[in-house]
Amino acid sequence: MLNNDILTSIVKRVIDIMLIKRPTETILGAMLGGILNSLSKVFQPAYANNPYFSFSKLQWYEWVIFAIFLTNFQHFFKREKFDPSIEQAYEVIKLSIKEGNLSEQEQRQLYRNLCNVVLANVQIDDSYYNGKPE
């Protein structure tokens, strides 16, 4: 059984991917779910006697959830990449910690310095705040 921290982490990641990072795929999935629901109702007489396909028992929201998952599936396992120099610096810090070469305070300072470098390189698009499309 998953503990609450892991479950919360998974739910947060799913919500971030679906609503914040990939709103287009989420909306497309909702529309596709509606279309699949309609098609299941239209073609229900064709497969009504088949015991293996009982799509008509699925509710509309189950089709929507399935389609949203289907359109966002590829993004659940994709890790966003950092600049290779940042990745390398992170690996050096982890290796130094593993070897025991750094005190607790030095570890925190190195992570803090790395975070400051990453944040200094972030550029915010002004059109996001002005409401203008890119």
N, C-alpha and C. Protein backbone atom coordinates (compact mmCIF):
# COMPACT_ATOMS: atom_id res chain seq x y z
N MET A 1 0.85 -1.19 0.00
CA MET A 1 0.00 0.00 0.00
C MET A 1 0.89 1.25 0.00
N LEU A 2 0.51 2.24 -0.77
CA LEU A 2 1.27 3.48 -0.85
C LEU A 2 1.04 4.33 0.38
N ASN A 3 2.12 4.97 0.85
CA ASN A 3 1.90 5.89 1.96
C ASN A 3 1.38 7.22 1.40
N ASN A 4 0.92 8.08 2.26
CA ASN A 4 0.26 9.32 1.85
C ASN A 4 1.19 10.25 1.09
N ASP A 5 2.47 10.29 1.44
CA ASP A 5 3.41 11.17 0.75
C ASP A 5 3.59 10.77 -0.70
N ILE A 6 3.73 9.48 -0.94
CA ILE A 6 3.91 9.00 -2.32
C ILE A 6 2.63 9.22 -3.12
N LEU A 7 1.49 8.93 -2.52
CA LEU A 7 0.22 9.12 -3.21
C LEU A 7 -0.01 10.58 -3.55
N THR A 8 0.26 11.47 -2.61
CA THR A 8 0.11 12.90 -2.85
C THR A 8 1.06 13.36 -3.94
N SER A 9 2.26 12.86 -3.94
CA SER A 9 3.24 13.20 -4.97
C SER A 9 2.75 12.77 -6.35
N ILE A 10 2.18 11.59 -6.46
CA ILE A 10 1.68 11.10 -7.75
C ILE A 10 0.49 11.93 -8.20
N VAL A 11 -0.44 12.21 -7.31
CA VAL A 11 -1.62 13.01 -7.66
C VAL A 11 -1.20 14.42 -8.09
N LYS A 12 -0.25 15.02 -7.39
CA LYS A 12 0.23 16.35 -7.76
C LYS A 12 0.85 16.33 -9.14
N ARG A 13 1.64 15.32 -9.43
CA ARG A 13 2.29 15.23 -10.75
C ARG A 13 1.25 15.07 -11.86
N VAL A 14 0.26 14.23 -11.61
CA VAL A 14 -0.80 14.03 -12.61
C VAL A 14 -1.55 15.33 -12.87
N ILE A 15 -1.92 16.04 -11.82
CA ILE A 15 -2.64 17.30 -11.98
C ILE A 15 -1.78 18.34 -12.68
N ASP A 16 -0.50 18.42 -12.31
CA ASP A 16 0.40 19.37 -12.97
C ASP A 16 0.50 19.08 -14.46
N ILE A 17 0.67 17.83 -14.81
CA ILE A 17 0.80 17.48 -16.22
C ILE A 17 -0.49 17.77 -16.97
N MET A 18 -1.61 17.37 -16.40
CA MET A 18 -2.87 17.48 -17.12
C MET A 18 -3.37 18.91 -17.25
N LEU A 19 -3.33 19.67 -16.19
CA LEU A 19 -3.98 20.98 -16.22
C LEU A 19 -3.03 22.15 -16.47
N ILE A 20 -1.80 22.02 -16.07
CA ILE A 20 -0.88 23.15 -16.18
C ILE A 20 0.03 23.01 -17.39
N LYS A 21 0.68 21.88 -17.51
CA LYS A 21 1.66 21.72 -18.58
C LYS A 21 1.03 21.31 -19.91
N ARG A 22 -0.04 20.56 -19.88
CA ARG A 22 -0.63 20.02 -21.11
C ARG A 22 -2.14 20.29 -21.19
N PRO A 23 -2.56 21.54 -21.15
CA PRO A 23 -4.01 21.80 -21.20
C PRO A 23 -4.63 21.41 -22.54
N THR A 24 -3.87 21.52 -23.63
CA THR A 24 -4.41 21.17 -24.94
C THR A 24 -4.74 19.69 -25.02
N GLU A 25 -3.82 18.84 -24.56
CA GLU A 25 -4.06 17.41 -24.59
C GLU A 25 -5.23 17.03 -23.67
N THR A 26 -5.35 17.73 -22.55
CA THR A 26 -6.44 17.43 -21.61
C THR A 26 -7.79 17.79 -22.23
N ILE A 27 -7.88 18.94 -22.87
CA ILE A 27 -9.13 19.34 -23.51
C ILE A 27 -9.44 18.40 -24.67
N LEU A 28 -8.40 18.06 -25.45
CA LEU A 28 -8.59 17.13 -26.55
C LEU A 28 -9.08 15.78 -26.03
N GLY A 29 -8.54 15.33 -24.91
CA GLY A 29 -8.97 14.08 -24.30
C GLY A 29 -10.42 14.13 -23.85
N ALA A 30 -10.83 15.26 -23.28
CA ALA A 30 -12.23 15.41 -22.85
C ALA A 30 -13.17 15.36 -24.05
N MET A 31 -12.77 16.03 -25.13
CA MET A 31 -13.60 16.00 -26.35
C MET A 31 -13.63 14.59 -26.95
N LEU A 32 -12.47 13.93 -26.98
CA LEU A 32 -12.40 12.57 -27.51
C LEU A 32 -13.26 11.62 -26.67
N GLY A 33 -13.26 11.82 -25.36
CA GLY A 33 -14.11 11.00 -24.49
C GLY A 33 -15.58 11.18 -24.81
N GLY A 34 -15.99 12.41 -25.06
CA GLY A 34 -17.38 12.66 -25.45
C GLY A 34 -17.73 12.00 -26.78
N ILE A 35 -16.79 12.08 -27.72
CA ILE A 35 -17.02 11.45 -29.03
C ILE A 35 -17.09 9.92 -28.89
N LEU A 36 -16.19 9.34 -28.11
CA LEU A 36 -16.22 7.89 -27.89
C LEU A 36 -17.51 7.45 -27.21
N ASN A 37 -17.99 8.25 -26.27
CA ASN A 37 -19.25 7.95 -25.59
C ASN A 37 -20.40 7.96 -26.60
N SER A 38 -20.42 8.97 -27.46
CA SER A 38 -21.47 9.05 -28.47
C SER A 38 -21.40 7.88 -29.45
N LEU A 39 -20.19 7.55 -29.89
CA LEU A 39 -20.03 6.43 -30.81
C LEU A 39 -20.44 5.10 -30.18
N SER A 40 -20.18 4.96 -28.87
CA SER A 40 -20.59 3.71 -28.20
C SER A 40 -22.11 3.59 -28.16
N LYS A 41 -22.78 4.71 -28.04
CA LYS A 41 -24.25 4.69 -28.03
C LYS A 41 -24.81 4.43 -29.43
N VAL A 42 -24.15 5.01 -30.45
CA VAL A 42 -24.62 4.84 -31.83
C VAL A 42 -24.44 3.39 -32.28
N PHE A 43 -23.28 2.81 -31.99
CA PHE A 43 -23.00 1.46 -32.45
C PHE A 43 -23.39 0.38 -31.44
N GLN A 44 -24.11 0.74 -30.41
CA GLN A 44 -24.53 -0.22 -29.39
C GLN A 44 -25.35 -1.36 -29.97
N PRO A 45 -26.26 -1.13 -30.91
CA PRO A 45 -27.01 -2.27 -31.48
C PRO A 45 -26.12 -3.27 -32.23
N ALA A 46 -25.02 -2.80 -32.78
CA ALA A 46 -24.14 -3.68 -33.55
C ALA A 46 -23.40 -4.68 -32.67
N TYR A 47 -23.09 -4.29 -31.46
CA TYR A 47 -22.36 -5.21 -30.57
C TYR A 47 -23.17 -5.59 -29.33
N ALA A 48 -24.47 -5.42 -29.38
CA ALA A 48 -25.32 -5.70 -28.22
C ALA A 48 -25.31 -7.17 -27.84
N ASN A 49 -25.22 -8.06 -28.83
CA ASN A 49 -25.26 -9.49 -28.54
C ASN A 49 -23.89 -10.08 -28.24
N ASN A 50 -22.85 -9.30 -28.34
CA ASN A 50 -21.49 -9.77 -28.10
C ASN A 50 -21.18 -9.66 -26.60
N PRO A 51 -20.89 -10.78 -25.93
CA PRO A 51 -20.64 -10.73 -24.49
C PRO A 51 -19.29 -10.10 -24.12
N TYR A 52 -18.37 -9.96 -25.09
CA TYR A 52 -17.04 -9.44 -24.80
C TYR A 52 -16.98 -7.92 -24.84
N PHE A 53 -17.88 -7.30 -25.56
CA PHE A 53 -17.89 -5.85 -25.70
C PHE A 53 -19.18 -5.28 -25.14
N SER A 54 -19.12 -4.75 -23.95
CA SER A 54 -20.30 -4.12 -23.36
C SER A 54 -19.97 -2.65 -23.07
N PHE A 55 -19.62 -1.93 -24.12
CA PHE A 55 -19.24 -0.53 -23.97
C PHE A 55 -20.39 0.35 -23.49
N SER A 56 -21.61 -0.09 -23.72
CA SER A 56 -22.75 0.73 -23.33
C SER A 56 -22.89 0.84 -21.82
N LYS A 57 -22.24 -0.03 -21.08
CA LYS A 57 -22.30 0.03 -19.62
C LYS A 57 -21.40 1.12 -19.05
N LEU A 58 -20.48 1.62 -19.86
CA LEU A 58 -19.58 2.68 -19.38
C LEU A 58 -20.32 4.02 -19.35
N GLN A 59 -20.09 4.77 -18.30
CA GLN A 59 -20.70 6.10 -18.17
C GLN A 59 -19.89 7.12 -18.96
N TRP A 60 -20.47 8.29 -19.19
CA TRP A 60 -19.79 9.31 -20.01
C TRP A 60 -18.49 9.76 -19.36
N TYR A 61 -18.47 9.90 -18.04
CA TYR A 61 -17.27 10.37 -17.36
C TYR A 61 -16.15 9.34 -17.41
N GLU A 62 -16.49 8.05 -17.49
CA GLU A 62 -15.47 7.02 -17.63
C GLU A 62 -14.79 7.10 -19.00
N TRP A 63 -15.57 7.41 -20.04
CA TRP A 63 -14.99 7.63 -21.36
C TRP A 63 -14.07 8.85 -21.34
N VAL A 64 -14.50 9.91 -20.69
CA VAL A 64 -13.69 11.14 -20.63
C VAL A 64 -12.38 10.89 -19.89
N ILE A 65 -12.45 10.23 -18.75
CA ILE A 65 -11.24 9.93 -17.97
C ILE A 65 -10.29 9.05 -18.79
N PHE A 66 -10.83 8.05 -19.46
CA PHE A 66 -10.01 7.17 -20.29
C PHE A 66 -9.33 7.96 -21.41
N ALA A 67 -10.06 8.81 -22.08
CA ALA A 67 -9.51 9.57 -23.20
C ALA A 67 -8.48 10.60 -22.73
N ILE A 68 -8.71 11.24 -21.60
CA ILE A 68 -7.73 12.19 -21.06
C ILE A 68 -6.45 11.45 -20.70
N PHE A 69 -6.58 10.30 -20.08
CA PHE A 69 -5.40 9.50 -19.76
C PHE A 69 -4.67 9.09 -21.04
N LEU A 70 -5.43 8.70 -22.06
CA LEU A 70 -4.83 8.27 -23.32
C LEU A 70 -4.07 9.40 -24.00
N THR A 71 -4.61 10.60 -24.02
CA THR A 71 -3.94 11.72 -24.69
C THR A 71 -2.76 12.25 -23.89
N ASN A 72 -2.73 12.04 -22.60
CA ASN A 72 -1.62 12.53 -21.76
C ASN A 72 -0.64 11.43 -21.38
N PHE A 73 -0.85 10.21 -21.82
CA PHE A 73 -0.05 9.07 -21.39
C PHE A 73 1.44 9.25 -21.66
N GLN A 74 1.78 9.77 -22.83
CA GLN A 74 3.19 9.89 -23.20
C GLN A 74 3.96 10.84 -22.28
N HIS A 75 3.28 11.76 -21.64
CA HIS A 75 3.95 12.75 -20.80
C HIS A 75 4.15 12.30 -19.36
N PHE A 76 3.50 11.23 -18.94
CA PHE A 76 3.63 10.78 -17.56
C PHE A 76 5.03 10.27 -17.24
N PHE A 77 5.71 9.73 -18.23
CA PHE A 77 7.01 9.10 -17.99
C PHE A 77 8.17 9.87 -18.58
N LYS A 78 7.88 11.06 -19.10
CA LYS A 78 8.93 11.86 -19.72
C LYS A 78 9.49 12.84 -18.69
N ARG A 79 10.79 12.83 -18.54
CA ARG A 79 11.46 13.73 -17.60
C ARG A 79 11.97 14.95 -18.34
N GLU A 80 11.71 16.12 -17.81
CA GLU A 80 12.20 17.34 -18.45
C GLU A 80 13.70 17.45 -18.25
N LYS A 81 14.39 17.89 -19.28
CA LYS A 81 15.84 17.96 -19.26
C LYS A 81 16.31 19.36 -18.81
N PHE A 82 17.40 19.36 -18.06
CA PHE A 82 18.08 20.59 -17.69
C PHE A 82 19.26 20.78 -18.62
N ASP A 83 19.88 21.92 -18.50
CA ASP A 83 21.11 22.18 -19.22
C ASP A 83 22.14 21.12 -18.77
N PRO A 84 22.93 20.55 -19.70
CA PRO A 84 23.90 19.50 -19.31
C PRO A 84 24.88 19.94 -18.23
N SER A 85 25.26 21.22 -18.21
CA SER A 85 26.18 21.68 -17.17
C SER A 85 25.53 21.62 -15.79
N ILE A 86 24.24 21.88 -15.72
CA ILE A 86 23.51 21.81 -14.45
C ILE A 86 23.39 20.35 -14.00
N GLU A 87 23.07 19.48 -14.95
CA GLU A 87 22.99 18.05 -14.63
C GLU A 87 24.34 17.54 -14.11
N GLN A 88 25.42 17.97 -14.74
CA GLN A 88 26.75 17.54 -14.34
C GLN A 88 27.09 18.06 -12.94
N ALA A 89 26.77 19.32 -12.67
CA ALA A 89 27.04 19.89 -11.35
C ALA A 89 26.25 19.14 -10.27
N TYR A 90 25.01 18.79 -10.57
CA TYR A 90 24.18 18.05 -9.63
C TYR A 90 24.78 16.67 -9.35
N GLU A 91 25.26 16.01 -10.38
CA GLU A 91 25.88 14.69 -10.21
C GLU A 91 27.15 14.77 -9.38
N VAL A 92 27.94 15.85 -9.57
CA VAL A 92 29.17 16.03 -8.79
C VAL A 92 28.82 16.22 -7.31
N ILE A 93 27.79 17.00 -7.04
CA ILE A 93 27.37 17.22 -5.65
C ILE A 93 26.92 15.90 -5.03
N LYS A 94 26.09 15.13 -5.76
CA LYS A 94 25.63 13.84 -5.24
C LYS A 94 26.79 12.89 -4.98
N LEU A 95 27.78 12.87 -5.89
CA LEU A 95 28.93 11.99 -5.72
C LEU A 95 29.75 12.39 -4.50
N SER A 96 29.93 13.70 -4.30
CA SER A 96 30.68 14.19 -3.13
C SER A 96 29.97 13.83 -1.83
N ILE A 97 28.66 13.92 -1.84
CA ILE A 97 27.89 13.56 -0.64
C ILE A 97 28.02 12.07 -0.37
N LYS A 98 27.95 11.27 -1.43
CA LYS A 98 28.04 9.82 -1.28
C LYS A 98 29.40 9.40 -0.73
N GLU A 99 30.44 10.09 -1.17
CA GLU A 99 31.79 9.77 -0.68
C GLU A 99 32.06 10.33 0.70
N GLY A 100 31.19 11.21 1.19
CA GLY A 100 31.34 11.77 2.52
C GLY A 100 32.35 12.89 2.61
N ASN A 101 32.61 13.57 1.50
CA ASN A 101 33.60 14.64 1.49
C ASN A 101 33.06 15.99 1.96
N LEU A 102 31.76 16.09 2.14
CA LEU A 102 31.15 17.39 2.46
C LEU A 102 30.40 17.33 3.79
N SER A 103 30.48 18.42 4.52
CA SER A 103 29.68 18.52 5.74
C SER A 103 28.24 18.86 5.35
N GLU A 104 27.35 18.78 6.31
CA GLU A 104 25.93 19.10 6.07
C GLU A 104 25.76 20.53 5.59
N GLN A 105 26.48 21.45 6.20
CA GLN A 105 26.39 22.86 5.82
C GLN A 105 26.94 23.09 4.41
N GLU A 106 28.02 22.43 4.06
CA GLU A 106 28.59 22.55 2.71
C GLU A 106 27.64 21.97 1.66
N GLN A 107 26.98 20.88 1.99
CA GLN A 107 26.01 20.29 1.07
C GLN A 107 24.89 21.27 0.77
N ARG A 108 24.31 21.84 1.83
CA ARG A 108 23.22 22.80 1.65
C ARG A 108 23.67 24.01 0.85
N GLN A 109 24.89 24.47 1.12
CA GLN A 109 25.39 25.64 0.40
C GLN A 109 25.59 25.33 -1.09
N LEU A 110 26.10 24.16 -1.41
CA LEU A 110 26.28 23.79 -2.82
C LEU A 110 24.95 23.67 -3.54
N TYR A 111 23.96 23.05 -2.90
CA TYR A 111 22.63 22.95 -3.51
C TYR A 111 22.02 24.34 -3.69
N ARG A 112 22.19 25.19 -2.68
CA ARG A 112 21.67 26.55 -2.76
C ARG A 112 22.32 27.32 -3.91
N ASN A 113 23.64 27.18 -4.05
CA ASN A 113 24.34 27.86 -5.14
C ASN A 113 23.87 27.35 -6.50
N LEU A 114 23.66 26.04 -6.61
CA LEU A 114 23.18 25.48 -7.87
C LEU A 114 21.77 25.99 -8.19
N CYS A 115 20.91 26.06 -7.18
CA CYS A 115 19.56 26.60 -7.39
C CYS A 115 19.62 28.06 -7.82
N ASN A 116 20.51 28.84 -7.24
CA ASN A 116 20.65 30.24 -7.63
C ASN A 116 21.10 30.38 -9.08
N VAL A 117 22.01 29.50 -9.51
CA VAL A 117 22.46 29.54 -10.91
C VAL A 117 21.30 29.21 -11.85
N VAL A 118 20.52 28.19 -11.49
CA VAL A 118 19.38 27.81 -12.33
C VAL A 118 18.36 28.94 -12.38
N LEU A 119 18.04 29.53 -11.24
CA LEU A 119 17.05 30.61 -11.20
C LEU A 119 17.54 31.87 -11.92
N ALA A 120 18.84 32.11 -11.91
CA ALA A 120 19.39 33.28 -12.61
C ALA A 120 19.23 33.13 -14.13
N ASN A 121 19.17 31.90 -14.61
CA ASN A 121 19.05 31.66 -16.04
C ASN A 121 17.61 31.58 -16.53
N VAL A 122 16.65 31.66 -15.62
CA VAL A 122 15.24 31.59 -16.01
C VAL A 122 14.83 32.92 -16.63
N GLN A 123 14.18 32.83 -17.78
CA GLN A 123 13.67 34.03 -18.44
C GLN A 123 12.16 33.92 -18.52
N ILE A 124 11.49 34.94 -18.05
CA ILE A 124 10.03 34.95 -18.03
C ILE A 124 9.55 35.69 -19.27
N ASP A 125 8.60 35.07 -19.96
CA ASP A 125 8.03 35.65 -21.16
C ASP A 125 7.02 36.73 -20.76
N ASP A 126 7.26 37.96 -21.20
CA ASP A 126 6.37 39.07 -20.85
C ASP A 126 4.98 38.91 -21.41
N SER A 127 4.84 38.23 -22.54
CA SER A 127 3.51 38.08 -23.14
C SER A 127 2.60 37.23 -22.25
N TYR A 128 3.18 36.41 -21.38
CA TYR A 128 2.38 35.61 -20.46
C TYR A 128 1.62 36.51 -19.50
N TYR A 129 2.27 37.58 -19.04
CA TYR A 129 1.65 38.47 -18.08
C TYR A 129 0.79 39.54 -18.73
N ASN A 130 1.04 39.84 -19.99
CA ASN A 130 0.26 40.86 -20.68
C ASN A 130 -0.99 40.30 -21.36
N GLY A 131 -1.15 38.99 -21.30
CA GLY A 131 -2.33 38.38 -21.89
C GLY A 131 -2.27 38.29 -23.40
N LYS A 132 -1.12 38.46 -23.99
CA LYS A 132 -0.96 38.40 -25.43
C LYS A 132 -0.50 36.99 -25.83
N PRO A 133 -1.04 36.48 -26.92
CA PRO A 133 -0.57 35.18 -27.39
C PRO A 133 0.87 35.29 -27.90
N GLU A 134 1.55 34.16 -27.86
CA GLU A 134 2.94 34.15 -28.31
C GLU A 134 3.05 34.27 -29.81
